[in-house]
PDB file of N, CA and C in Angstrom:
ATOM      1  N   MET A   1      -5.827  76.578 -29.507  1.00  0.00           N
ATOM      2  CA  MET A   1      -6.243  75.496 -30.402  1.00  0.00           C
ATOM      3  C   MET A   1      -7.255  74.599 -29.695  1.00  0.00           C
ATOM      4  N   MET A   2      -8.283  74.279 -30.394  1.00  0.00           N
ATOM      5  CA  MET A   2      -9.347  73.431 -29.876  1.00  0.00           C
ATOM      6  C   MET A   2      -8.856  71.995 -29.710  1.00  0.00           C
ATOM      7  N   GLN A   3      -9.306  71.333 -28.613  1.00  0.00           N
ATOM      8  CA  GLN A   3      -9.028  69.910 -28.440  1.00  0.00           C
ATOM      9  C   GLN A   3      -9.936  69.147 -29.395  1.00  0.00           C
ATOM     10  N   VAL A   4      -9.373  68.235 -30.147  1.00  0.00           N
ATOM     11  CA  VAL A   4     -10.141  67.483 -31.143  1.00  0.00           C
ATOM     12  C   VAL A   4     -10.122  66.004 -30.762  1.00  0.00           C
ATOM     13  N   SER A   5     -11.310  65.459 -30.514  1.00  0.00           N
ATOM     14  CA  SER A   5     -11.414  64.035 -30.210  1.00  0.00           C
ATOM     15  C   SER A   5     -11.276  63.239 -31.498  1.00  0.00           C
ATOM     16  N   LEU A   6     -11.083  61.957 -31.347  1.00  0.00           N
ATOM     17  CA  LEU A   6     -10.986  61.091 -32.518  1.00  0.00           C
ATOM     18  C   LEU A   6     -12.290  61.113 -33.317  1.00  0.00           C
ATOM     19  N   GLN A   7     -13.433  61.182 -32.616  1.00  0.00           N
ATOM     20  CA  GLN A   7     -14.722  61.238 -33.304  1.00  0.00           C
ATOM     21  C   GLN A   7     -14.870  62.538 -34.096  1.00  0.00           C
ATOM     22  N   THR A   8     -14.433  63.638 -33.497  1.00  0.00           N
ATOM     23  CA  THR A   8     -14.498  64.922 -34.201  1.00  0.00           C
ATOM     24  C   THR A   8     -13.577  64.896 -35.413  1.00  0.00           C
ATOM     25  N   LEU A   9     -12.425  64.280 -35.264  1.00  0.00           N
ATOM     26  CA  LEU A   9     -11.505  64.164 -36.394  1.00  0.00           C
ATOM     27  C   LEU A   9     -12.136  63.344 -37.516  1.00  0.00           C
ATOM     28  N   GLN A  10     -12.904  62.312 -37.186  1.00  0.00           N
ATOM     29  CA  GLN A  10     -13.595  61.527 -38.210  1.00  0.00           C
ATOM     30  C   GLN A  10     -14.550  62.427 -39.005  1.00  0.00           C
ATOM     31  N   LEU A  11     -15.283  63.286 -38.312  1.00  0.00           N
ATOM     32  CA  LEU A  11     -16.185  64.220 -38.996  1.00  0.00           C
ATOM     33  C   LEU A  11     -15.396  65.159 -39.898  1.00  0.00           C
ATOM     34  N   LEU A  12     -14.315  65.695 -39.360  1.00  0.00           N
ATOM     35  CA  LEU A  12     -13.503  66.643 -40.126  1.00  0.00           C
ATOM     36  C   LEU A  12     -12.894  65.993 -41.361  1.00  0.00           C
ATOM     37  N   GLN A  13     -12.549  64.727 -41.266  1.00  0.00           N
ATOM     38  CA  GLN A  13     -11.974  64.046 -42.425  1.00  0.00           C
ATOM     39  C   GLN A  13     -12.971  63.978 -43.576  1.00  0.00           C
ATOM     40  N   VAL A  14     -14.250  63.823 -43.276  1.00  0.00           N
ATOM     41  CA  VAL A  14     -15.267  63.824 -44.335  1.00  0.00           C
ATOM     42  C   VAL A  14     -15.282  65.194 -45.017  1.00  0.00           C
ATOM     43  N   PHE A  15     -15.237  66.255 -44.226  1.00  0.00           N
ATOM     44  CA  PHE A  15     -15.198  67.606 -44.807  1.00  0.00           C
ATOM     45  C   PHE A  15     -13.942  67.808 -45.638  1.00  0.00           C
ATOM     46  N   MET A  16     -12.818  67.256 -45.180  1.00  0.00           N
ATOM     47  CA  MET A  16     -11.543  67.474 -45.861  1.00  0.00           C
ATOM     48  C   MET A  16     -11.453  66.736 -47.200  1.00  0.00           C
ATOM     49  N   GLU A  17     -12.293  65.732 -47.413  1.00  0.00           N
ATOM     50  CA  GLU A  17     -12.291  65.028 -48.706  1.00  0.00           C
ATOM     51  C   GLU A  17     -12.580  66.001 -49.845  1.00  0.00           C
ATOM     52  N   ASP A  18     -13.491  66.928 -49.608  1.00  0.00           N
ATOM     53  CA  ASP A  18     -13.822  67.979 -50.572  1.00  0.00           C
ATOM     54  C   ASP A  18     -14.271  69.183 -49.758  1.00  0.00           C
ATOM     55  N   PRO A  19     -13.317  70.036 -49.365  1.00  0.00           N
ATOM     56  CA  PRO A  19     -13.631  71.150 -48.467  1.00  0.00           C
ATOM     57  C   PRO A  19     -14.710  72.104 -48.976  1.00  0.00           C
ATOM     58  N   SER A  20     -14.943  72.147 -50.255  1.00  0.00           N
ATOM     59  CA  SER A  20     -15.962  73.064 -50.781  1.00  0.00           C
ATOM     60  C   SER A  20     -17.364  72.455 -50.739  1.00  0.00           C
ATOM     61  N   GLN A  21     -17.463  71.175 -50.417  1.00  0.00           N
ATOM     62  CA  GLN A  21     -18.745  70.471 -50.416  1.00  0.00           C
ATOM     63  C   GLN A  21     -19.448  70.633 -49.074  1.00  0.00           C
ATOM     64  N   PRO A  22     -20.608  71.260 -49.044  1.00  0.00           N
ATOM     65  CA  PRO A  22     -21.375  71.344 -47.790  1.00  0.00           C
ATOM     66  C   PRO A  22     -21.878  69.958 -47.388  1.00  0.00           C
ATOM     67  N   ARG A  23     -22.024  69.754 -46.091  1.00  0.00           N
ATOM     68  CA  ARG A  23     -22.461  68.456 -45.560  1.00  0.00           C
ATOM     69  C   ARG A  23     -23.609  68.668 -44.570  1.00  0.00           C
ATOM     70  N   TYR A  24     -24.391  67.635 -44.339  1.00  0.00           N
ATOM     71  CA  TYR A  24     -25.437  67.716 -43.335  1.00  0.00           C
ATOM     72  C   TYR A  24     -25.256  66.576 -42.334  1.00  0.00           C
ATOM     73  N   GLY A  25     -25.856  66.731 -41.157  1.00  0.00           N
ATOM     74  CA  GLY A  25     -25.604  65.832 -40.039  1.00  0.00           C
ATOM     75  C   GLY A  25     -25.853  64.363 -40.304  1.00  0.00           C
ATOM     76  N   LEU A  26     -26.989  64.023 -40.891  1.00  0.00           N
ATOM     77  CA  LEU A  26     -27.296  62.611 -41.134  1.00  0.00           C
ATOM     78  C   LEU A  26     -26.287  61.986 -42.102  1.00  0.00           C
ATOM     79  N   GLU A  27     -25.891  62.747 -43.105  1.00  0.00           N
ATOM     80  CA  GLU A  27     -24.866  62.259 -44.040  1.00  0.00           C
ATOM     81  C   GLU A  27     -23.572  61.950 -43.287  1.00  0.00           C
ATOM     82  N   LEU A  28     -23.173  62.859 -42.394  1.00  0.00           N
ATOM     83  CA  LEU A  28     -21.942  62.671 -41.624  1.00  0.00           C
ATOM     84  C   LEU A  28     -22.054  61.465 -40.699  1.00  0.00           C
ATOM     85  N   ALA A  29     -23.222  61.280 -40.088  1.00  0.00           N
ATOM     86  CA  ALA A  29     -23.426  60.128 -39.211  1.00  0.00           C
ATOM     87  C   ALA A  29     -23.294  58.826 -40.005  1.00  0.00           C
ATOM     88  N   LYS A  30     -23.891  58.793 -41.180  1.00  0.00           N
ATOM     89  CA  LYS A  30     -23.803  57.587 -42.016  1.00  0.00           C
ATOM     90  C   LYS A  30     -22.379  57.337 -42.480  1.00  0.00           C
ATOM     91  N   ARG A  31     -21.689  58.388 -42.907  1.00  0.00           N
ATOM     92  CA  ARG A  31     -20.329  58.231 -43.427  1.00  0.00           C
ATOM     93  C   ARG A  31     -19.331  57.796 -42.359  1.00  0.00           C
ATOM     94  N   THR A  32     -19.531  58.269 -41.115  1.00  0.00           N
ATOM     95  CA  THR A  32     -18.572  57.976 -40.057  1.00  0.00           C
ATOM     96  C   THR A  32     -18.981  56.811 -39.171  1.00  0.00           C
ATOM     97  N   GLY A  33     -20.268  56.451 -39.196  1.00  0.00           N
ATOM     98  CA  GLY A  33     -20.760  55.421 -38.292  1.00  0.00           C
ATOM     99  C   GLY A  33     -20.995  55.930 -36.878  1.00  0.00           C
ATOM    100  N   LEU A  34     -20.910  57.238 -36.685  1.00  0.00           N
ATOM    101  CA  LEU A  34     -21.125  57.837 -35.369  1.00  0.00           C
ATOM    102  C   LEU A  34     -22.618  58.059 -35.133  1.00  0.00           C
ATOM    103  N   LYS A  35     -23.021  58.023 -33.892  1.00  0.00           N
ATOM    104  CA  LYS A  35     -24.415  58.254 -33.520  1.00  0.00           C
ATOM    105  C   LYS A  35     -24.719  59.751 -33.539  1.00  0.00           C
ATOM    106  N   SER A  36     -25.993  60.080 -33.734  1.00  0.00           N
ATOM    107  CA  SER A  36     -26.394  61.494 -33.792  1.00  0.00           C
ATOM    108  C   SER A  36     -26.067  62.222 -32.497  1.00  0.00           C
ATOM    109  N   GLY A  37     -26.079  61.522 -31.361  1.00  0.00           N
ATOM    110  CA  GLY A  37     -25.730  62.131 -30.078  1.00  0.00           C
ATOM    111  C   GLY A  37     -24.265  62.516 -29.982  1.00  0.00           C
ATOM    112  N   THR A  38     -23.461  62.018 -30.885  1.00  0.00           N
ATOM    113  CA  THR A  38     -22.053  62.408 -30.987  1.00  0.00           C
ATOM    114  C   THR A  38     -21.870  63.445 -32.087  1.00  0.00           C
ATOM    115  N   VAL A  39     -22.526  63.239 -33.215  1.00  0.00           N
ATOM    116  CA  VAL A  39     -22.345  64.098 -34.390  1.00  0.00           C
ATOM    117  C   VAL A  39     -22.808  65.535 -34.134  1.00  0.00           C
ATOM    118  N   TYR A  40     -24.045  65.696 -33.681  1.00  0.00           N
ATOM    119  CA  TYR A  40     -24.598  67.051 -33.589  1.00  0.00           C
ATOM    120  C   TYR A  40     -23.925  67.925 -32.537  1.00  0.00           C
ATOM    121  N   PRO A  41     -23.595  67.407 -31.349  1.00  0.00           N
ATOM    122  CA  PRO A  41     -22.834  68.244 -30.418  1.00  0.00           C
ATOM    123  C   PRO A  41     -21.453  68.636 -30.963  1.00  0.00           C
ATOM    124  N   ALA A  42     -20.799  67.703 -31.659  1.00  0.00           N
ATOM    125  CA  ALA A  42     -19.486  68.009 -32.239  1.00  0.00           C
ATOM    126  C   ALA A  42     -19.614  69.090 -33.311  1.00  0.00           C
ATOM    127  N   LEU A  43     -20.647  69.005 -34.153  1.00  0.00           N
ATOM    128  CA  LEU A  43     -20.861  70.031 -35.170  1.00  0.00           C
ATOM    129  C   LEU A  43     -21.104  71.389 -34.516  1.00  0.00           C
ATOM    130  N   GLY A  44     -21.861  71.397 -33.428  1.00  0.00           N
ATOM    131  CA  GLY A  44     -22.107  72.645 -32.699  1.00  0.00           C
ATOM    132  C   GLY A  44     -20.828  73.244 -32.148  1.00  0.00           C
ATOM    133  N   ARG A  45     -19.959  72.407 -31.579  1.00  0.00           N
ATOM    134  CA  ARG A  45     -18.674  72.902 -31.053  1.00  0.00           C
ATOM    135  C   ARG A  45     -17.793  73.431 -32.184  1.00  0.00           C
ATOM    136  N   LEU A  46     -17.742  72.702 -33.293  1.00  0.00           N
ATOM    137  CA  LEU A  46     -16.923  73.133 -34.425  1.00  0.00           C
ATOM    138  C   LEU A  46     -17.430  74.458 -34.986  1.00  0.00           C
ATOM    139  N   GLU A  47     -18.740  74.626 -35.027  1.00  0.00           N
ATOM    140  CA  GLU A  47     -19.289  75.892 -35.508  1.00  0.00           C
ATOM    141  C   GLU A  47     -18.998  77.010 -34.511  1.00  0.00           C
ATOM    142  N   HIS A  48     -19.170  76.742 -33.233  1.00  0.00           N
ATOM    143  CA  HIS A  48     -18.902  77.740 -32.200  1.00  0.00           C
ATOM    144  C   HIS A  48     -17.454  78.213 -32.255  1.00  0.00           C
ATOM    145  N   ASP A  49     -16.535  77.300 -32.549  1.00  0.00           N
ATOM    146  CA  ASP A  49     -15.109  77.635 -32.600  1.00  0.00           C
ATOM    147  C   ASP A  49     -14.662  78.169 -33.961  1.00  0.00           C
ATOM    148  N   GLY A  50     -15.603  78.337 -34.897  1.00  0.00           N
ATOM    149  CA  GLY A  50     -15.274  78.940 -36.189  1.00  0.00           C
ATOM    150  C   GLY A  50     -14.714  77.989 -37.225  1.00  0.00           C
ATOM    151  N   TRP A  51     -14.764  76.691 -36.950  1.00  0.00           N
ATOM    152  CA  TRP A  51     -14.235  75.715 -37.913  1.00  0.00           C
ATOM    153  C   TRP A  51     -15.257  75.380 -38.987  1.00  0.00           C
ATOM    154  N   LEU A  52     -16.534  75.578 -38.657  1.00  0.00           N
ATOM    155  CA  LEU A  52     -17.630  75.338 -39.600  1.00  0.00           C
ATOM    156  C   LEU A  52     -18.565  76.542 -39.590  1.00  0.00           C
ATOM    157  N   THR A  53     -19.258  76.724 -40.684  1.00  0.00           N
ATOM    158  CA  THR A  53     -20.399  77.628 -40.719  1.00  0.00           C
ATOM    159  C   THR A  53     -21.607  76.771 -41.061  1.00  0.00           C
ATOM    160  N   SER A  54     -22.791  77.276 -40.739  1.00  0.00           N
ATOM    161  CA  SER A  54     -23.978  76.506 -41.084  1.00  0.00           C
ATOM    162  C   SER A  54     -25.099  77.434 -41.510  1.00  0.00           C
ATOM    163  N   GLU A  55     -26.006  76.868 -42.251  1.00  0.00           N
ATOM    164  CA  GLU A  55     -27.224  77.564 -42.639  1.00  0.00           C
ATOM    165  C   GLU A  55     -28.280  76.514 -42.912  1.00  0.00           C
ATOM    166  N   VAL A  56     -29.518  76.929 -42.807  1.00  0.00           N
ATOM    167  CA  VAL A  56     -30.617  76.025 -43.108  1.00  0.00           C
ATOM    168  C   VAL A  56     -30.867  76.102 -44.605  1.00  0.00           C
ATOM    169  N   GLU A  57     -30.931  74.944 -45.251  1.00  0.00           N
ATOM    170  CA  GLU A  57     -31.124  74.940 -46.699  1.00  0.00           C
ATOM    171  C   GLU A  57     -32.472  75.547 -47.055  1.00  0.00           C
ATOM    172  N   GLU A  58     -32.528  76.163 -48.192  1.00  0.00           N
ATOM    173  CA  GLU A  58     -33.746  76.807 -48.656  1.00  0.00           C
ATOM    174  C   GLU A  58     -34.509  75.852 -49.559  1.00  0.00           C
ATOM    175  N   ILE A  59     -35.429  75.141 -48.946  1.00  0.00           N
ATOM    176  CA  ILE A  59     -36.283  74.222 -49.700  1.00  0.00           C
ATOM    177  C   ILE A  59     -37.715  74.401 -49.215  1.00  0.00           C
ATOM    178  N   ASP A  60     -38.634  73.906 -49.974  1.00  0.00           N
ATOM    179  CA  ASP A  60     -40.024  73.822 -49.550  1.00  0.00           C
ATOM    180  C   ASP A  60     -40.188  72.434 -48.935  1.00  0.00           C
ATOM    181  N   PRO A  61     -40.330  72.351 -47.603  1.00  0.00           N
ATOM    182  CA  PRO A  61     -40.427  71.034 -46.966  1.00  0.00           C
ATOM    183  C   PRO A  61     -41.555  70.160 -47.508  1.00  0.00           C
ATOM    184  N   LYS A  62     -42.671  70.777 -47.886  1.00  0.00           N
ATOM    185  CA  LYS A  62     -43.778  69.975 -48.428  1.00  0.00           C
ATOM    186  C   LYS A  62     -43.401  69.370 -49.774  1.00  0.00           C
ATOM    187  N   ALA A  63     -42.768  70.180 -50.634  1.00  0.00           N
ATOM    188  CA  ALA A  63     -42.368  69.695 -51.953  1.00  0.00           C
ATOM    189  C   ALA A  63     -41.261  68.642 -51.838  1.00  0.00           C
ATOM    190  N   ALA A  64     -40.324  68.850 -50.893  1.00  0.00           N
ATOM    191  CA  ALA A  64     -39.208  67.917 -50.727  1.00  0.00           C
ATOM    192  C   ALA A  64     -39.625  66.667 -49.957  1.00  0.00           C
ATOM    193  N   GLY A  65     -40.714  66.762 -49.217  1.00  0.00           N
ATOM    194  CA  GLY A  65     -41.159  65.621 -48.430  1.00  0.00           C
ATOM    195  C   GLY A  65     -40.315  65.370 -47.197  1.00  0.00           C
ATOM    196  N   ARG A  66     -39.617  66.409 -46.752  1.00  0.00           N
ATOM    197  CA  ARG A  66     -38.764  66.299 -45.561  1.00  0.00           C
ATOM    198  C   ARG A  66     -38.496  67.705 -45.028  1.00  0.00           C
ATOM    199  N   PRO A  67     -38.089  67.800 -43.776  1.00  0.00           N
ATOM    200  CA  PRO A  67     -37.749  69.131 -43.257  1.00  0.00           C
ATOM    201  C   PRO A  67     -36.452  69.648 -43.884  1.00  0.00           C
ATOM    202  N   ALA A  68     -36.267  70.949 -43.829  1.00  0.00           N
ATOM    203  CA  ALA A  68     -35.021  71.545 -44.307  1.00  0.00           C
ATOM    204  C   ALA A  68     -33.864  71.058 -43.437  1.00  0.00           C
ATOM    205  N   ARG A  69     -32.728  70.860 -44.054  1.00  0.00           N
ATOM    206  CA  ARG A  69     -31.530  70.405 -43.339  1.00  0.00           C
ATOM    207  C   ARG A  69     -30.661  71.597 -42.970  1.00  0.00           C
ATOM    208  N   ARG A  70     -29.928  71.447 -41.868  1.00  0.00           N
ATOM    209  CA  ARG A  70     -28.877  72.412 -41.543  1.00  0.00           C
ATOM    210  C   ARG A  70     -27.637  71.920 -42.278  1.00  0.00           C
ATOM    211  N   ILE A  71     -27.091  72.773 -43.119  1.00  0.00           N
ATOM    212  CA  ILE A  71     -25.942  72.429 -43.955  1.00  0.00           C
ATOM    213  C   ILE A  71     -24.690  73.069 -43.357  1.00  0.00           C
ATOM    214  N   TYR A  72     -23.638  72.285 -43.211  1.00  0.00           N
ATOM    215  CA  TYR A  72     -22.377  72.745 -42.623  1.00  0.00           C
ATOM    216  C   TYR A  72     -21.298  72.815 -43.693  1.00  0.00           C
ATOM    217  N   THR A  73     -20.486  73.862 -43.602  1.00  0.00           N
ATOM    218  CA  THR A  73     -19.385  74.062 -44.538  1.00  0.00           C
ATOM    219  C   THR A  73     -18.106  74.304 -43.745  1.00  0.00           C
ATOM    220  N   LEU A  74     -17.028  73.689 -44.162  1.00  0.00           N
ATOM    221  CA  LEU A  74     -15.723  73.852 -43.527  1.00  0.00           C
ATOM    222  C   LEU A  74     -15.164  75.231 -43.850  1.00  0.00           C
ATOM    223  N   THR A  75     -14.671  75.931 -42.835  1.00  0.00           N
ATOM    224  CA  THR A  75     -14.046  77.236 -43.051  1.00  0.00           C
ATOM    225  C   THR A  75     -12.545  77.050 -43.271  1.00  0.00           C
ATOM    226  N   ASN A  76     -11.864  78.118 -43.666  1.00  0.00           N
ATOM    227  CA  ASN A  76     -10.403  78.056 -43.801  1.00  0.00           C
ATOM    228  C   ASN A  76      -9.752  77.721 -42.465  1.00  0.00           C
ATOM    229  N   ALA A  77     -10.271  78.319 -41.389  1.00  0.00           N
ATOM    230  CA  ALA A  77      -9.737  78.020 -40.053  1.00  0.00           C
ATOM    231  C   ALA A  77      -9.969  76.552 -39.718  1.00  0.00           C
ATOM    232  N   GLY A  78     -11.111  76.027 -40.111  1.00  0.00           N
ATOM    233  CA  GLY A  78     -11.414  74.622 -39.880  1.00  0.00           C
ATOM    234  C   GLY A  78     -10.494  73.701 -40.648  1.00  0.00           C
ATOM    235  N   MET A  79     -10.198  74.066 -41.879  1.00  0.00           N
ATOM    236  CA  MET A  79      -9.284  73.258 -42.697  1.00  0.00           C
ATOM    237  C   MET A  79      -7.893  73.238 -42.065  1.00  0.00           C
ATOM    238  N   ALA A  80      -7.432  74.399 -41.630  1.00  0.00           N
ATOM    239  CA  ALA A  80      -6.114  74.481 -40.999  1.00  0.00           C
ATOM    240  C   ALA A  80      -6.093  73.688 -39.697  1.00  0.00           C
ATOM    241  N   GLY A  81      -7.128  73.848 -38.887  1.00  0.00           N
ATOM    242  CA  GLY A  81      -7.199  73.134 -37.617  1.00  0.00           C
ATOM    243  C   GLY A  81      -7.313  71.639 -37.807  1.00  0.00           C
ATOM    244  N   ALA A  82      -8.118  71.214 -38.771  1.00  0.00           N
ATOM    245  CA  ALA A  82      -8.295  69.789 -39.040  1.00  0.00           C
ATOM    246  C   ALA A  82      -6.992  69.158 -39.522  1.00  0.00           C
ATOM    247  N   THR A  83      -6.280  69.863 -40.369  1.00  0.00           N
ATOM    248  CA  THR A  83      -4.993  69.368 -40.872  1.00  0.00           C
ATOM    249  C   THR A  83      -4.008  69.202 -39.719  1.00  0.00           C
ATOM    250  N   GLN A  84      -3.956  70.199 -38.851  1.00  0.00           N
ATOM    251  CA  GLN A  84      -3.049  70.145 -37.705  1.00  0.00           C
ATOM    252  C   GLN A  84      -3.447  69.011 -36.746  1.00  0.00           C
ATOM    253  N   ALA A  85      -4.742  68.854 -36.492  1.00  0.00           N
ATOM    254  CA  ALA A  85      -5.217  67.786 -35.606  1.00  0.00           C
ATOM    255  C   ALA A  85      -4.903  66.409 -36.187  1.00  0.00           C
ATOM    256  N   ALA A  86      -5.089  66.260 -37.494  1.00  0.00           N
ATOM    257  CA  ALA A  86      -4.786  64.972 -38.142  1.00  0.00           C
ATOM    258  C   ALA A  86      -3.308  64.653 -38.017  1.00  0.00           C
ATOM    259  N   ARG A  87      -2.469  65.652 -38.151  1.00  0.00           N
ATOM    260  CA  ARG A  87      -1.013  65.419 -38.012  1.00  0.00           C
ATOM    261  C   ARG A  87      -0.665  65.002 -36.590  1.00  0.00           C
ATOM    262  N   ARG A  88      -1.314  65.646 -35.593  1.00  0.00           N
ATOM    263  CA  ARG A  88      -1.048  65.288 -34.195  1.00  0.00           C
ATOM    264  C   ARG A  88      -1.454  63.845 -33.922  1.00  0.00           C
ATOM    265  N   TYR A  89      -2.624  63.439 -34.413  1.00  0.00           N
ATOM    266  CA  TYR A  89      -3.055  62.059 -34.203  1.00  0.00           C
ATOM    267  C   TYR A  89      -2.137  61.089 -34.927  1.00  0.00           C
ATOM    268  N   GLN A  90      -1.738  61.430 -36.125  1.00  0.00           N
ATOM    269  CA  GLN A  90      -0.867  60.537 -36.885  1.00  0.00           C
ATOM    270  C   GLN A  90       0.484  60.391 -36.180  1.00  0.00           C
ATOM    271  N   ALA A  91       1.012  61.493 -35.643  1.00  0.00           N
ATOM    272  CA  ALA A  91       2.298  61.447 -34.947  1.00  0.00           C
ATOM    273  C   ALA A  91       2.215  60.593 -33.687  1.00  0.00           C
ATOM    274  N   ALA A  92       1.032  60.500 -33.082  1.00  0.00           N
ATOM    275  CA  ALA A  92       0.864  59.722 -31.857  1.00  0.00           C
ATOM    276  C   ALA A  92       0.703  58.227 -32.117  1.00  0.00           C
ATOM    277  N   LEU A  93       0.471  57.849 -33.360  1.00  0.00           N
ATOM    278  CA  LEU A  93       0.291  56.433 -33.689  1.00  0.00           C
ATOM    279  C   LEU A  93       1.624  55.692 -33.635  1.00  0.00           C
ATOM    280  N   PRO A  94       1.603  54.407 -33.270  1.00  0.00           N
ATOM    281  CA  PRO A  94       2.822  53.608 -33.382  1.00  0.00           C
ATOM    282  C   PRO A  94       3.278  53.587 -34.846  1.00  0.00           C
ATOM    283  N   VAL A  95       4.555  53.409 -35.065  1.00  0.00           N
ATOM    284  CA  VAL A  95       5.133  53.472 -36.409  1.00  0.00           C
ATOM    285  C   VAL A  95       4.414  52.556 -37.390  1.00  0.00           C
ATOM    286  N   THR A  96       4.041  51.358 -36.978  1.00  0.00           N
ATOM    287  CA  THR A  96       3.392  50.425 -37.903  1.00  0.00           C
ATOM    288  C   THR A  96       2.039  50.958 -38.371  1.00  0.00           C
ATOM    289  N   LEU A  97       1.279  51.559 -37.469  1.00  0.00           N
ATOM    290  CA  LEU A  97      -0.006  52.150 -37.873  1.00  0.00           C
ATOM    291  C   LEU A  97       0.196  53.440 -38.652  1.00  0.00           C
ATOM    292  N   ARG A  98       1.193  54.216 -38.279  1.00  0.00           N
ATOM    293  CA  ARG A  98       1.466  55.476 -38.966  1.00  0.00           C
ATOM    294  C   ARG A  98       1.730  55.216 -40.442  1.00  0.00           C
ATOM    295  N   GLU A  99       2.505  54.159 -40.738  1.00  0.00           N
ATOM    296  CA  GLU A  99       2.801  53.820 -42.136  1.00  0.00           C
ATOM    297  C   GLU A  99       1.521  53.401 -42.872  1.00  0.00           C
ATOM    298  N   ARG A 100       0.660  52.702 -42.164  1.00  0.00           N
ATOM    299  CA  ARG A 100      -0.585  52.228 -42.771  1.00  0.00           C
ATOM    300  C   ARG A 100      -1.507  53.395 -43.143  1.00  0.00           C
ATOM    301  N   PHE A 101      -1.516  54.452 -42.317  1.00  0.00           N
ATOM    302  CA  PHE A 101      -2.416  55.576 -42.555  1.00  0.00           C
ATOM    303  C   PHE A 101      -1.737  56.739 -43.260  1.00  0.00           C
ATOM    304  N   ALA A 102      -0.524  56.586 -43.688  1.00  0.00           N
ATOM    305  CA  ALA A 102       0.197  57.681 -44.371  1.00  0.00           C
ATOM    306  C   ALA A 102      -0.339  57.902 -45.757  1.00  0.00           C
TER     307      ALA A 102
END
């Protein structure tokens, strides 16, 4: 089982809100408040470990007015791992915080 930092768990929680919804790095950075220097390495590790898959979106950069984004999707293994990691973090919280985040 992969070691999951609190920052990585924050990213995974965004994916877990709607596991079928693909996400991109800047969106994840905005949603979590994490810096890109934290987000992109974590996404790379999650993809390397099979928790995410990624692909470059198929757009015309000139028509879109921006470069193509790398889109990440949560895998079944990622969903299972994220759920287990969230439970471990929740179990480690003091009872008062555990009730708040239940």
